[in-house]
Amino acid sequence: MALKSFLVFVLTLYASLSFSITSFPEHTQAELTKLMNKELIIHSKKIPGCPWPEITIFALIDVLPVEAAALFSNYQDQKHYIPDLLKSNP
């Protein structure tokens, strides 16, 4: 049982570290500097036939990877993240 618990711990640690040290190859050096200064990086892309652009926001947050995954997979509460949102059906 102890060996099994140790293996689960090692696997969890490995997974956590692999997420936290992932590089950002698509970001420029200026964008990486912004991230390190706790600034947001916002990318916007027009989508043909759609009135709204695709928006991707990058930010460094001081949480464990599992905590970040829990926040972003909480689809029912995401509609409360945007102030004054009129309607959202996840």
PDB file of N, CA and C in Angstrom:
ATOM      1  N   MET A   1       0.821  -1.194   0.000  1.00  0.00           N
ATOM      2  CA  MET A   1       0.000   0.000   0.000  1.00  0.00           C
ATOM      3  C   MET A   1       0.862   1.254   0.000  1.00  0.00           C
ATOM      4  N   ALA A   2       1.936   1.248   0.768  1.00  0.00           N
ATOM      5  CA  ALA A   2       2.826   2.409   0.842  1.00  0.00           C
ATOM      6  C   ALA A   2       3.476   2.674  -0.514  1.00  0.00           C
ATOM      7  N   LEU A   3       3.849   1.598  -1.226  1.00  0.00           N
ATOM      8  CA  LEU A   3       4.456   1.759  -2.539  1.00  0.00           C
ATOM      9  C   LEU A   3       3.458   2.374  -3.522  1.00  0.00           C
ATOM     10  N   LYS A   4       2.221   1.935  -3.442  1.00  0.00           N
ATOM     11  CA  LYS A   4       1.190   2.463  -4.325  1.00  0.00           C
ATOM     12  C   LYS A   4       0.958   3.955  -4.045  1.00  0.00           C
ATOM     13  N   SER A   5       0.900   4.334  -2.791  1.00  0.00           N
ATOM     14  CA  SER A   5       0.729   5.743  -2.419  1.00  0.00           C
ATOM     15  C   SER A   5       1.913   6.571  -2.884  1.00  0.00           C
ATOM     16  N   PHE A   6       3.113   6.028  -2.750  1.00  0.00           N
ATOM     17  CA  PHE A   6       4.312   6.734  -3.196  1.00  0.00           C
ATOM     18  C   PHE A   6       4.281   6.939  -4.707  1.00  0.00           C
ATOM     19  N   LEU A   7       3.883   5.918  -5.455  1.00  0.00           N
ATOM     20  CA  LEU A   7       3.825   6.025  -6.910  1.00  0.00           C
ATOM     21  C   LEU A   7       2.792   7.073  -7.348  1.00  0.00           C
ATOM     22  N   VAL A   8       1.654   7.121  -6.667  1.00  0.00           N
ATOM     23  CA  VAL A   8       0.640   8.129  -6.968  1.00  0.00           C
ATOM     24  C   VAL A   8       1.195   9.519  -6.679  1.00  0.00           C
ATOM     25  N   PHE A   9       1.914   9.661  -5.566  1.00  0.00           N
ATOM     26  CA  PHE A   9       2.526  10.943  -5.218  1.00  0.00           C
ATOM     27  C   PHE A   9       3.533  11.376  -6.288  1.00  0.00           C
ATOM     28  N   VAL A  10       4.390  10.466  -6.703  1.00  0.00           N
ATOM     29  CA  VAL A  10       5.409  10.782  -7.706  1.00  0.00           C
ATOM     30  C   VAL A  10       4.750  11.161  -9.025  1.00  0.00           C
ATOM     31  N   LEU A  11       3.732  10.455  -9.420  1.00  0.00           N
ATOM     32  CA  LEU A  11       3.028  10.754 -10.666  1.00  0.00           C
ATOM     33  C   LEU A  11       2.356  12.127 -10.588  1.00  0.00           C
ATOM     34  N   THR A  12       1.735  12.425  -9.465  1.00  0.00           N
ATOM     35  CA  THR A  12       1.095  13.731  -9.280  1.00  0.00           C
ATOM     36  C   THR A  12       2.130  14.843  -9.301  1.00  0.00           C
ATOM     37  N   LEU A  13       3.241  14.642  -8.632  1.00  0.00           N
ATOM     38  CA  LEU A  13       4.310  15.634  -8.607  1.00  0.00           C
ATOM     39  C   LEU A  13       4.854  15.865 -10.011  1.00  0.00           C
ATOM     40  N   TYR A  14       5.084  14.787 -10.745  1.00  0.00           N
ATOM     41  CA  TYR A  14       5.590  14.902 -12.112  1.00  0.00           C
ATOM     42  C   TYR A  14       4.619  15.681 -12.996  1.00  0.00           C
ATOM     43  N   ALA A  15       3.330  15.368 -12.891  1.00  0.00           N
ATOM     44  CA  ALA A  15       2.324  16.062 -13.684  1.00  0.00           C
ATOM     45  C   ALA A  15       2.265  17.541 -13.319  1.00  0.00           C
ATOM     46  N   SER A  16       2.327  17.851 -12.048  1.00  0.00           N
ATOM     47  CA  SER A  16       2.296  19.248 -11.605  1.00  0.00           C
ATOM     48  C   SER A  16       3.497  20.019 -12.116  1.00  0.00           C
ATOM     49  N   LEU A  17       4.667  19.426 -12.017  1.00  0.00           N
ATOM     50  CA  LEU A  17       5.870  20.111 -12.484  1.00  0.00           C
ATOM     51  C   LEU A  17       5.881  20.273 -13.993  1.00  0.00           C
ATOM     52  N   SER A  18       5.360  19.301 -14.714  1.00  0.00           N
ATOM     53  CA  SER A  18       5.364  19.415 -16.170  1.00  0.00           C
ATOM     54  C   SER A  18       4.463  20.551 -16.632  1.00  0.00           C
ATOM     55  N   PHE A  19       3.374  20.819 -15.909  1.00  0.00           N
ATOM     56  CA  PHE A  19       2.512  21.951 -16.262  1.00  0.00           C
ATOM     57  C   PHE A  19       3.167  23.274 -15.872  1.00  0.00           C
ATOM     58  N   SER A  20       3.799  23.320 -14.728  1.00  0.00           N
ATOM     59  CA  SER A  20       4.301  24.590 -14.220  1.00  0.00           C
ATOM     60  C   SER A  20       5.565  25.062 -14.914  1.00  0.00           C
ATOM     61  N   ILE A  21       6.299  24.176 -15.596  1.00  0.00           N
ATOM     62  CA  ILE A  21       7.518  24.606 -16.262  1.00  0.00           C
ATOM     63  C   ILE A  21       7.380  24.597 -17.775  1.00  0.00           C
ATOM     64  N   THR A  22       6.148  24.537 -18.251  1.00  0.00           N
ATOM     65  CA  THR A  22       5.915  24.556 -19.688  1.00  0.00           C
ATOM     66  C   THR A  22       6.339  25.902 -20.244  1.00  0.00           C
ATOM     67  N   SER A  23       7.079  25.886 -21.337  1.00  0.00           N
ATOM     68  CA  SER A  23       7.523  27.142 -21.936  1.00  0.00           C
ATOM     69  C   SER A  23       6.396  27.764 -22.764  1.00  0.00           C
ATOM     70  N   PHE A  24       6.599  28.992 -23.161  1.00  0.00           N
ATOM     71  CA  PHE A  24       5.621  29.725 -23.952  1.00  0.00           C
ATOM     72  C   PHE A  24       6.238  30.046 -25.313  1.00  0.00           C
ATOM     73  N   PRO A  25       6.338  29.075 -26.205  1.00  0.00           N
ATOM     74  CA  PRO A  25       7.039  29.332 -27.472  1.00  0.00           C
ATOM     75  C   PRO A  25       6.335  30.356 -28.362  1.00  0.00           C
ATOM     76  N   GLU A  26       5.034  30.553 -28.187  1.00  0.00           N
ATOM     77  CA  GLU A  26       4.309  31.472 -29.054  1.00  0.00           C
ATOM     78  C   GLU A  26       4.405  32.919 -28.586  1.00  0.00           C
ATOM     79  N   HIS A  27       5.012  33.173 -27.441  1.00  0.00           N
ATOM     80  CA  HIS A  27       5.114  34.525 -26.909  1.00  0.00           C
ATOM     81  C   HIS A  27       6.465  35.146 -27.232  1.00  0.00           C
ATOM     82  N   THR A  28       6.450  36.436 -27.499  1.00  0.00           N
ATOM     83  CA  THR A  28       7.692  37.175 -27.720  1.00  0.00           C
ATOM     84  C   THR A  28       8.354  37.462 -26.378  1.00  0.00           C
ATOM     85  N   GLN A  29       9.577  37.932 -26.427  1.00  0.00           N
ATOM     86  CA  GLN A  29      10.277  38.277 -25.190  1.00  0.00           C
ATOM     87  C   GLN A  29       9.556  39.413 -24.470  1.00  0.00           C
ATOM     88  N   ALA A  30       9.013  40.369 -25.223  1.00  0.00           N
ATOM     89  CA  ALA A  30       8.270  41.478 -24.610  1.00  0.00           C
ATOM     90  C   ALA A  30       7.031  40.965 -23.890  1.00  0.00           C
ATOM     91  N   GLU A  31       6.337  39.984 -24.477  1.00  0.00           N
ATOM     92  CA  GLU A  31       5.154  39.411 -23.830  1.00  0.00           C
ATOM     93  C   GLU A  31       5.530  38.645 -22.565  1.00  0.00           C
ATOM     94  N   LEU A  32       6.632  37.917 -22.618  1.00  0.00           N
ATOM     95  CA  LEU A  32       7.090  37.195 -21.421  1.00  0.00           C
ATOM     96  C   LEU A  32       7.438  38.167 -20.303  1.00  0.00           C
ATOM     97  N   THR A  33       8.022  39.304 -20.662  1.00  0.00           N
ATOM     98  CA  THR A  33       8.333  40.324 -19.665  1.00  0.00           C
ATOM     99  C   THR A  33       7.049  40.856 -19.031  1.00  0.00           C
ATOM    100  N   LYS A  34       6.020  41.069 -19.871  1.00  0.00           N
ATOM    101  CA  LYS A  34       4.722  41.512 -19.343  1.00  0.00           C
ATOM    102  C   LYS A  34       4.167  40.490 -18.350  1.00  0.00           C
ATOM    103  N   LEU A  35       4.233  39.217 -18.720  1.00  0.00           N
ATOM    104  CA  LEU A  35       3.729  38.168 -17.828  1.00  0.00           C
ATOM    105  C   LEU A  35       4.469  38.178 -16.495  1.00  0.00           C
ATOM    106  N   MET A  36       5.775  38.316 -16.550  1.00  0.00           N
ATOM    107  CA  MET A  36       6.566  38.325 -15.314  1.00  0.00           C
ATOM    108  C   MET A  36       6.245  39.554 -14.455  1.00  0.00           C
ATOM    109  N   ASN A  37       5.755  40.612 -15.073  1.00  0.00           N
ATOM    110  CA  ASN A  37       5.369  41.828 -14.347  1.00  0.00           C
ATOM    111  C   ASN A  37       3.892  41.808 -13.952  1.00  0.00           C
ATOM    112  N   LYS A  38       3.270  40.623 -14.018  1.00  0.00           N
ATOM    113  CA  LYS A  38       1.864  40.435 -13.627  1.00  0.00           C
ATOM    114  C   LYS A  38       0.892  41.213 -14.516  1.00  0.00           C
ATOM    115  N   GLU A  39       1.276  41.456 -15.779  1.00  0.00           N
ATOM    116  CA  GLU A  39       0.391  42.113 -16.733  1.00  0.00           C
ATOM    117  C   GLU A  39      -0.288  41.048 -17.598  1.00  0.00           C
ATOM    118  N   LEU A  40      -1.434  41.391 -18.150  1.00  0.00           N
ATOM    119  CA  LEU A  40      -2.159  40.485 -19.037  1.00  0.00           C
ATOM    120  C   LEU A  40      -1.650  40.620 -20.464  1.00  0.00           C
ATOM    121  N   ILE A  41      -1.701  39.526 -21.202  1.00  0.00           N
ATOM    122  CA  ILE A  41      -1.450  39.545 -22.637  1.00  0.00           C
ATOM    123  C   ILE A  41      -2.776  39.160 -23.292  1.00  0.00           C
ATOM    124  N   ILE A  42      -3.257  40.015 -24.186  1.00  0.00           N
ATOM    125  CA  ILE A  42      -4.553  39.780 -24.824  1.00  0.00           C
ATOM    126  C   ILE A  42      -4.349  39.635 -26.328  1.00  0.00           C
ATOM    127  N   HIS A  43      -4.765  38.495 -26.873  1.00  0.00           N
ATOM    128  CA  HIS A  43      -4.732  38.255 -28.315  1.00  0.00           C
ATOM    129  C   HIS A  43      -6.168  38.237 -28.825  1.00  0.00           C
ATOM    130  N   SER A  44      -6.415  38.954 -29.899  1.00  0.00           N
ATOM    131  CA  SER A  44      -7.747  39.011 -30.496  1.00  0.00           C
ATOM    132  C   SER A  44      -7.643  38.592 -31.957  1.00  0.00           C
ATOM    133  N   LYS A  45      -8.618  37.782 -32.411  1.00  0.00           N
ATOM    134  CA  LYS A  45      -8.604  37.287 -33.796  1.00  0.00           C
ATOM    135  C   LYS A  45     -10.012  37.346 -34.347  1.00  0.00           C
ATOM    136  N   LYS A  46     -10.159  37.980 -35.514  1.00  0.00           N
ATOM    137  CA  LYS A  46     -11.475  38.035 -36.162  1.00  0.00           C
ATOM    138  C   LYS A  46     -11.860  36.650 -36.658  1.00  0.00           C
ATOM    139  N   ILE A  47     -13.126  36.318 -36.502  1.00  0.00           N
ATOM    140  CA  ILE A  47     -13.669  35.044 -36.954  1.00  0.00           C
ATOM    141  C   ILE A  47     -14.632  35.348 -38.105  1.00  0.00           C
ATOM    142  N   PRO A  48     -14.378  34.811 -39.288  1.00  0.00           N
ATOM    143  CA  PRO A  48     -15.274  35.086 -40.422  1.00  0.00           C
ATOM    144  C   PRO A  48     -16.714  34.659 -40.128  1.00  0.00           C
ATOM    145  N   GLY A  49     -17.663  35.545 -40.429  1.00  0.00           N
ATOM    146  CA  GLY A  49     -19.080  35.239 -40.226  1.00  0.00           C
ATOM    147  C   GLY A  49     -19.547  35.351 -38.783  1.00  0.00           C
ATOM    148  N   CYS A  50     -18.703  35.821 -37.904  1.00  0.00           N
ATOM    149  CA  CYS A  50     -19.065  35.944 -36.496  1.00  0.00           C
ATOM    150  C   CYS A  50     -18.893  37.401 -36.068  1.00  0.00           C
ATOM    151  N   PRO A  51     -19.871  37.953 -35.358  1.00  0.00           N
ATOM    152  CA  PRO A  51     -19.761  39.361 -34.969  1.00  0.00           C
ATOM    153  C   PRO A  51     -18.735  39.606 -33.852  1.00  0.00           C
ATOM    154  N   TRP A  52     -18.373  38.576 -33.111  1.00  0.00           N
ATOM    155  CA  TRP A  52     -17.449  38.730 -31.992  1.00  0.00           C
ATOM    156  C   TRP A  52     -16.107  38.102 -32.323  1.00  0.00           C
ATOM    157  N   PRO A  53     -15.014  38.726 -31.918  1.00  0.00           N
ATOM    158  CA  PRO A  53     -13.702  38.119 -32.159  1.00  0.00           C
ATOM    159  C   PRO A  53     -13.410  37.009 -31.152  1.00  0.00           C
ATOM    160  N   GLU A  54     -12.459  36.177 -31.492  1.00  0.00           N
ATOM    161  CA  GLU A  54     -11.941  35.194 -30.541  1.00  0.00           C
ATOM    162  C   GLU A  54     -10.905  35.920 -29.691  1.00  0.00           C
ATOM    163  N   ILE A  55     -11.039  35.862 -28.398  1.00  0.00           N
ATOM    164  CA  ILE A  55     -10.115  36.552 -27.502  1.00  0.00           C
ATOM    165  C   ILE A  55      -9.453  35.524 -26.588  1.00  0.00           C
ATOM    166  N   THR A  56      -8.133  35.586 -26.535  1.00  0.00           N
ATOM    167  CA  THR A  56      -7.367  34.724 -25.646  1.00  0.00           C
ATOM    168  C   THR A  56      -6.571  35.624 -24.709  1.00  0.00           C
ATOM    169  N   ILE A  57      -6.680  35.367 -23.416  1.00  0.00           N
ATOM    170  CA  ILE A  57      -5.987  36.168 -22.417  1.00  0.00           C
ATOM    171  C   ILE A  57      -5.006  35.270 -21.672  1.00  0.00           C
ATOM    172  N   PHE A  58      -3.767  35.738 -21.590  1.00  0.00           N
ATOM    173  CA  PHE A  58      -2.732  35.015 -20.868  1.00  0.00           C
ATOM    174  C   PHE A  58      -2.374  35.793 -19.609  1.00  0.00           C
ATOM    175  N   ALA A  59      -2.237  35.078 -18.501  1.00  0.00           N
ATOM    176  CA  ALA A  59      -1.819  35.686 -17.238  1.00  0.00           C
ATOM    177  C   ALA A  59      -1.149  34.618 -16.392  1.00  0.00           C
ATOM    178  N   LEU A  60      -0.150  35.006 -15.661  1.00  0.00           N
ATOM    179  CA  LEU A  60       0.452  34.089 -14.692  1.00  0.00           C
ATOM    180  C   LEU A  60      -0.315  34.228 -13.387  1.00  0.00           C
ATOM    181  N   ILE A  61      -0.700  33.096 -12.826  1.00  0.00           N
ATOM    182  CA  ILE A  61      -1.420  33.114 -11.563  1.00  0.00           C
ATOM    183  C   ILE A  61      -0.645  32.280 -10.550  1.00  0.00           C
ATOM    184  N   ASP A  62      -0.706  32.678  -9.309  1.00  0.00           N
ATOM    185  CA  ASP A  62       0.063  32.029  -8.255  1.00  0.00           C
ATOM    186  C   ASP A  62      -0.771  30.954  -7.569  1.00  0.00           C
ATOM    187  N   VAL A  63      -1.045  29.877  -8.307  1.00  0.00           N
ATOM    188  CA  VAL A  63      -1.786  28.739  -7.760  1.00  0.00           C
ATOM    189  C   VAL A  63      -1.173  27.450  -8.293  1.00  0.00           C
ATOM    190  N   LEU A  64      -1.530  26.356  -7.673  1.00  0.00           N
ATOM    191  CA  LEU A  64      -1.100  25.049  -8.168  1.00  0.00           C
ATOM    192  C   LEU A  64      -1.843  24.723  -9.461  1.00  0.00           C
ATOM    193  N   PRO A  65      -1.260  23.931 -10.340  1.00  0.00           N
ATOM    194  CA  PRO A  65      -1.937  23.572 -11.578  1.00  0.00           C
ATOM    195  C   PRO A  65      -3.313  22.934 -11.351  1.00  0.00           C
ATOM    196  N   VAL A  66      -3.444  22.125 -10.319  1.00  0.00           N
ATOM    197  CA  VAL A  66      -4.724  21.476 -10.053  1.00  0.00           C
ATOM    198  C   VAL A  66      -5.785  22.518  -9.661  1.00  0.00           C
ATOM    199  N   GLU A  67      -5.372  23.577  -8.959  1.00  0.00           N
ATOM    200  CA  GLU A  67      -6.308  24.644  -8.590  1.00  0.00           C
ATOM    201  C   GLU A  67      -6.758  25.426  -9.826  1.00  0.00           C
ATOM    202  N   ALA A  68      -5.827  25.694 -10.729  1.00  0.00           N
ATOM    203  CA  ALA A  68      -6.178  26.397 -11.965  1.00  0.00           C
ATOM    204  C   ALA A  68      -7.121  25.546 -12.816  1.00  0.00           C
ATOM    205  N   ALA A  69      -6.857  24.247 -12.896  1.00  0.00           N
ATOM    206  CA  ALA A  69      -7.724  23.348 -13.663  1.00  0.00           C
ATOM    207  C   ALA A  69      -9.125  23.308 -13.061  1.00  0.00           C
ATOM    208  N   ALA A  70      -9.222  23.304 -11.737  1.00  0.00           N
ATOM    209  CA  ALA A  70     -10.528  23.285 -11.079  1.00  0.00           C
ATOM    210  C   ALA A  70     -11.304  24.561 -11.381  1.00  0.00           C
ATOM    211  N   LEU A  71     -10.621  25.697 -11.372  1.00  0.00           N
ATOM    212  CA  LEU A  71     -11.279  26.969 -11.668  1.00  0.00           C
ATOM    213  C   LEU A  71     -11.818  26.999 -13.090  1.00  0.00           C
ATOM    214  N   PHE A  72     -11.006  26.593 -14.053  1.00  0.00           N
ATOM    215  CA  PHE A  72     -11.419  26.675 -15.451  1.00  0.00           C
ATOM    216  C   PHE A  72     -12.385  25.572 -15.867  1.00  0.00           C
ATOM    217  N   SER A  73     -12.475  24.500 -15.092  1.00  0.00           N
ATOM    218  CA  SER A  73     -13.431  23.443 -15.434  1.00  0.00           C
ATOM    219  C   SER A  73     -14.757  23.600 -14.682  1.00  0.00           C
ATOM    220  N   ASN A  74     -14.894  24.651 -13.906  1.00  0.00           N
ATOM    221  CA  ASN A  74     -16.136  24.933 -13.178  1.00  0.00           C
ATOM    222  C   ASN A  74     -17.066  25.729 -14.098  1.00  0.00           C
ATOM    223  N   TYR A  75     -17.616  25.066 -15.097  1.00  0.00           N
ATOM    224  CA  TYR A  75     -18.385  25.733 -16.147  1.00  0.00           C
ATOM    225  C   TYR A  75     -19.648  26.422 -15.636  1.00  0.00           C
ATOM    226  N   GLN A  76     -20.293  25.859 -14.661  1.00  0.00           N
ATOM    227  CA  GLN A  76     -21.542  26.442 -14.161  1.00  0.00           C
ATOM    228  C   GLN A  76     -21.331  27.802 -13.511  1.00  0.00           C
ATOM    229  N   ASP A  77     -20.174  28.018 -12.891  1.00  0.00           N
ATOM    230  CA  ASP A  77     -19.921  29.296 -12.214  1.00  0.00           C
ATOM    231  C   ASP A  77     -19.189  30.309 -13.086  1.00  0.00           C
ATOM    232  N   GLN A  78     -18.709  29.900 -14.262  1.00  0.00           N
ATOM    233  CA  GLN A  78     -17.969  30.825 -15.111  1.00  0.00           C
ATOM    234  C   GLN A  78     -18.815  32.019 -15.544  1.00  0.00           C
ATOM    235  N   LYS A  79     -20.112  31.829 -15.650  1.00  0.00           N
ATOM    236  CA  LYS A  79     -20.968  32.942 -16.058  1.00  0.00           C
ATOM    237  C   LYS A  79     -20.986  34.051 -15.002  1.00  0.00           C
ATOM    238  N   HIS A  80     -20.562  33.747 -13.783  1.00  0.00           N
ATOM    239  CA  HIS A  80     -20.515  34.752 -12.727  1.00  0.00           C
ATOM    240  C   HIS A  80     -19.194  35.530 -12.710  1.00  0.00           C
ATOM    241  N   TYR A  81     -18.235  35.113 -13.533  1.00  0.00           N
ATOM    242  CA  TYR A  81     -16.936  35.784 -13.569  1.00  0.00           C
ATOM    243  C   TYR A  81     -17.006  37.121 -14.299  1.00  0.00           C
ATOM    244  N   ILE A  82     -17.990  37.304 -15.168  1.00  0.00           N
ATOM    245  CA  ILE A  82     -18.096  38.517 -15.980  1.00  0.00           C
ATOM    246  C   ILE A  82     -19.168  39.422 -15.377  1.00  0.00           C
ATOM    247  N   PRO A  83     -18.783  40.609 -14.912  1.00  0.00           N
ATOM    248  CA  PRO A  83     -19.766  41.506 -14.304  1.00  0.00           C
ATOM    249  C   PRO A  83     -20.824  41.955 -15.317  1.00  0.00           C
ATOM    250  N   ASP A  84     -22.047  42.081 -14.872  1.00  0.00           N
ATOM    251  CA  ASP A  84     -23.168  42.588 -15.676  1.00  0.00           C
ATOM    252  C   ASP A  84     -23.468  41.738 -16.912  1.00  0.00           C
ATOM    253  N   LEU A  85     -23.120  40.467 -16.889  1.00  0.00           N
ATOM    254  CA  LEU A  85     -23.417  39.574 -18.004  1.00  0.00           C
ATOM    255  C   LEU A  85     -24.923  39.350 -18.052  1.00  0.00           C
ATOM    256  N   LEU A  86     -25.518  39.537 -19.226  1.00  0.00           N
ATOM    257  CA  LEU A  86     -26.968  39.420 -19.339  1.00  0.00           C
ATOM    258  C   LEU A  86     -27.439  37.967 -19.353  1.00  0.00           C
ATOM    259  N   LYS A  87     -26.729  37.109 -20.108  1.00  0.00           N
ATOM    260  CA  LYS A  87     -27.173  35.724 -20.203  1.00  0.00           C
ATOM    261  C   LYS A  87     -25.982  34.820 -20.542  1.00  0.00           C
ATOM    262  N   SER A  88     -25.953  33.653 -19.936  1.00  0.00           N
ATOM    263  CA  SER A  88     -24.926  32.665 -20.238  1.00  0.00           C
ATOM    264  C   SER A  88     -25.491  31.282 -19.975  1.00  0.00           C
ATOM    265  N   ASN A  89     -25.372  30.412 -20.961  1.00  0.00           N
ATOM    266  CA  ASN A  89     -25.813  29.023 -20.819  1.00  0.00           C
ATOM    267  C   ASN A  89     -24.647  28.109 -21.182  1.00  0.00           C
ATOM    268  N   PRO A  90     -23.822  27.759 -20.201  1.00  0.00           N
ATOM    269  CA  PRO A  90     -22.664  26.904 -20.507  1.00  0.00           C
ATOM    270  C   PRO A  90     -23.106  25.504 -20.901  1.00  0.00           C
TER     271      PRO A  90
END
